[in-house]
Amino acid sequence: MMTILAMRLKDVIRADKTVTSLGKWQEGAKLPRSAFPLSKSKNRTYRLPSYRWRVIEFEVRGQLFRLLVAYRLDKEQYRAILAVDHGRELAVLAQYEFHGSHPGWHVHASCEQIEGVPRGTMRHPWQRRVPRARARCRRKEFGISNDDQALTKAADFFRLYKREGELGL
């Protein structure tokens, strides 16, 4: 059993990171379970119909994290899902999203210590959406038109850079 360090999401975002794998862009409705294992169940996989996606792995203080970046241009859909790796399953800490059907960049995130976030589920009752759904300060421009922009959006938000524009490899 892996020991999870006492950290919160903000600690993970602010910390120095070592990117161990950038993955590669792929397409397909079903992510291989090995890429983003949300549950111990062998048959449960995360589905992304008509999306382009990649999984980035990085470490913070020896703890492994995965960041699933997925987008779909025709519907202006984007997701960057940050999860802590518990070996055979993940605990989702934050989801940075844009939905063309109701525009506005927002994040669903937990303020709990990361070791307390339940494994194998995408949403939790104690997650907060920031900004709130009807907030006027939401950025409404999608701004994604290719793989590089999609990766940059996630890298900027979750601070994957060692130096400006340079991923932490």
Protein backbone atom coordinates (compact mmCIF):
# COMPACT_ATOMS: atom_id res chain seq x y z
CA MET A 1 0.00 0.00 0.00
CA MET A 2 1.33 3.37 -1.04
CA THR A 3 1.53 6.13 1.59
CA ILE A 4 -0.05 9.38 0.46
CA LEU A 5 1.69 12.53 1.66
CA ALA A 6 -0.29 15.03 3.72
CA MET A 7 -1.11 17.59 1.03
CA ARG A 8 -4.07 19.47 -0.34
CA LEU A 9 -4.79 20.18 -4.01
CA LYS A 10 -3.29 23.67 -3.72
CA ASP A 11 -0.06 22.13 -2.40
CA VAL A 12 0.12 19.82 -5.41
CA ILE A 13 -0.50 22.67 -7.86
CA ARG A 14 2.11 24.94 -6.23
CA ALA A 15 4.77 22.24 -5.78
CA ASP A 16 7.76 21.57 -8.01
CA LYS A 17 6.86 18.69 -10.30
CA THR A 18 8.83 16.10 -12.20
CA VAL A 19 6.98 14.98 -15.33
CA THR A 20 7.75 11.29 -15.78
CA SER A 21 5.61 10.70 -18.89
CA LEU A 22 3.94 13.08 -21.34
CA GLY A 23 1.97 10.27 -22.96
CA LYS A 24 0.86 10.81 -26.54
CA TRP A 25 -2.31 12.05 -28.15
CA GLN A 26 -4.81 9.31 -28.92
CA GLU A 27 -8.40 9.01 -30.05
CA GLY A 28 -11.00 6.52 -29.03
CA ALA A 29 -14.11 6.22 -26.94
CA LYS A 30 -12.57 3.96 -24.32
CA LEU A 31 -9.41 4.77 -22.42
CA PRO A 32 -7.41 1.69 -21.56
CA ARG A 33 -7.91 0.96 -17.89
CA SER A 34 -4.15 1.01 -17.39
CA ALA A 35 -4.00 4.65 -18.56
CA PHE A 36 -6.54 6.05 -16.08
CA PRO A 37 -7.69 3.38 -13.56
CA LEU A 38 -10.64 4.95 -11.77
CA SER A 39 -11.83 1.73 -10.17
CA LYS A 40 -10.55 -1.70 -9.19
CA SER A 41 -13.30 -3.17 -11.37
CA LYS A 42 -11.73 -4.60 -14.52
CA ASN A 43 -14.73 -3.66 -16.67
CA ARG A 44 -15.04 -0.02 -15.61
CA THR A 45 -13.20 2.38 -17.89
CA TYR A 46 -13.61 6.08 -18.50
CA ARG A 47 -15.28 6.77 -21.84
CA LEU A 48 -14.50 9.74 -24.08
CA PRO A 49 -16.46 9.37 -27.33
CA SER A 50 -14.89 11.33 -30.21
CA TYR A 51 -12.30 12.99 -27.97
CA ARG A 52 -8.56 13.38 -28.41
CA TRP A 53 -6.78 12.61 -25.17
CA ARG A 54 -3.47 11.97 -23.47
CA VAL A 55 -2.37 11.07 -19.95
CA ILE A 56 0.55 12.92 -18.34
CA GLU A 57 2.24 11.41 -15.30
CA PHE A 58 4.24 13.45 -12.82
CA GLU A 59 5.62 13.25 -9.31
CA VAL A 60 5.42 15.62 -6.38
CA ARG A 61 7.64 14.71 -3.42
CA GLY A 62 7.75 11.08 -4.57
CA GLN A 63 3.95 10.78 -4.98
CA LEU A 64 2.65 9.86 -8.47
CA PHE A 65 -0.15 11.87 -10.11
CA ARG A 66 -1.92 11.50 -13.45
CA LEU A 67 -3.43 14.26 -15.54
CA LEU A 68 -5.90 13.25 -18.23
CA VAL A 69 -6.24 15.97 -20.88
CA ALA A 70 -9.13 15.47 -23.31
CA TYR A 71 -10.90 17.71 -25.79
CA ARG A 72 -13.44 17.67 -28.59
CA LEU A 73 -13.45 20.59 -31.02
CA ASP A 74 -16.84 20.11 -32.67
CA LYS A 75 -18.68 20.50 -29.34
CA GLU A 76 -16.17 22.78 -27.62
CA GLN A 77 -15.58 20.27 -24.83
CA TYR A 78 -12.44 20.17 -22.69
CA ARG A 79 -11.41 18.28 -19.56
CA ALA A 80 -8.19 18.18 -17.60
CA ILE A 81 -8.63 15.70 -14.76
CA LEU A 82 -5.99 15.55 -12.02
CA ALA A 83 -5.82 12.40 -9.92
CA VAL A 84 -3.48 10.95 -7.32
CA ASP A 85 -2.28 7.42 -8.05
CA HIS A 86 -3.08 4.80 -5.39
CA GLY A 87 -1.49 1.96 -7.35
CA ARG A 88 -4.42 0.12 -8.94
CA GLU A 89 -6.87 3.02 -8.79
CA LEU A 90 -7.02 6.81 -8.78
CA ALA A 91 -8.58 9.46 -6.57
CA VAL A 92 -9.74 12.48 -8.60
CA LEU A 93 -8.66 15.76 -7.01
CA ALA A 94 -9.79 18.30 -9.62
CA GLN A 95 -11.45 18.64 -13.00
CA TYR A 96 -10.76 21.74 -15.09
CA GLU A 97 -13.50 21.97 -17.74
CA PHE A 98 -15.22 23.83 -20.53
CA HIS A 99 -18.56 22.80 -22.05
CA GLY A 100 -19.80 24.44 -25.24
CA SER A 101 -23.41 23.89 -24.17
CA HIS A 102 -22.95 26.19 -21.15
CA PRO A 103 -19.77 28.19 -21.69
CA GLY A 104 -17.33 29.18 -19.06
CA TRP A 105 -14.06 27.73 -17.81
CA HIS A 106 -14.51 26.25 -14.35
CA VAL A 107 -13.02 23.72 -11.97
CA HIS A 108 -14.58 21.09 -9.73
CA ALA A 109 -12.18 20.54 -6.85
CA SER A 110 -11.87 19.20 -3.35
CA CYS A 111 -10.33 21.17 -0.50
CA GLU A 112 -9.78 18.02 1.57
CA GLN A 113 -6.40 16.47 2.32
CA ILE A 114 -5.65 14.28 -0.71
CA GLU A 115 -5.45 11.10 1.37
CA GLY A 116 -9.12 11.64 2.31
CA VAL A 117 -10.43 11.86 -1.27
CA PRO A 118 -12.30 8.66 -2.16
CA ARG A 119 -10.92 6.47 -4.92
CA GLY A 120 -12.62 5.35 -8.09
CA THR A 121 -15.15 8.16 -8.51
CA MET A 122 -15.20 11.36 -10.55
CA ARG A 123 -17.39 13.63 -8.40
CA HIS A 124 -17.79 13.96 -4.65
CA PRO A 125 -20.43 15.82 -2.63
CA TRP A 126 -17.79 18.04 -1.01
CA GLN A 127 -16.24 19.17 -4.30
CA ARG A 128 -16.78 22.82 -5.09
CA ARG A 129 -17.29 24.40 -8.49
CA VAL A 130 -15.27 27.58 -8.99
CA PRO A 131 -16.53 29.94 -10.24
CA ARG A 132 -20.15 29.11 -9.49
CA ALA A 133 -22.39 28.30 -12.44
CA ARG A 134 -24.05 31.72 -12.66
CA ALA A 135 -20.98 33.80 -11.81
CA ARG A 136 -20.33 36.74 -14.13
CA CYS A 137 -16.54 36.45 -13.96
CA ARG A 138 -16.35 33.25 -16.02
CA ARG A 139 -14.02 33.24 -19.04
CA LYS A 140 -16.24 32.24 -21.95
CA GLU A 141 -13.83 31.86 -24.88
CA PHE A 142 -12.98 28.23 -25.66
CA GLY A 143 -9.59 29.05 -27.21
CA ILE A 144 -8.61 25.45 -28.05
CA SER A 145 -8.04 24.50 -31.69
CA ASN A 146 -5.23 21.92 -31.58
CA ASP A 147 -3.24 19.49 -29.42
CA ASP A 148 -0.63 22.06 -28.39
CA GLN A 149 -3.23 24.51 -27.10
CA ALA A 150 -5.03 21.75 -25.20
CA LEU A 151 -1.81 20.65 -23.51
CA THR A 152 -0.77 24.23 -22.74
CA LYS A 153 -4.15 24.96 -21.11
CA ALA A 154 -3.71 22.06 -18.67
CA ALA A 155 0.00 22.75 -18.09
CA ASP A 156 -0.74 26.39 -17.26
CA PHE A 157 -3.63 25.61 -14.92
CA PHE A 158 -1.89 22.81 -13.01
CA ARG A 159 1.56 24.47 -13.21
CA LEU A 160 3.48 21.70 -14.91
CA TYR A 161 6.25 24.06 -16.03
CA LYS A 162 9.72 24.22 -14.51
CA ARG A 163 10.39 27.43 -16.41
CA GLU A 164 8.08 29.47 -18.60
CA GLY A 165 6.96 27.29 -21.50
CA GLU A 166 9.11 24.28 -20.48
CA LEU A 167 7.41 21.17 -19.11
CA GLY A 168 8.99 19.63 -16.04
CA LEU A 169 10.77 16.75 -17.79
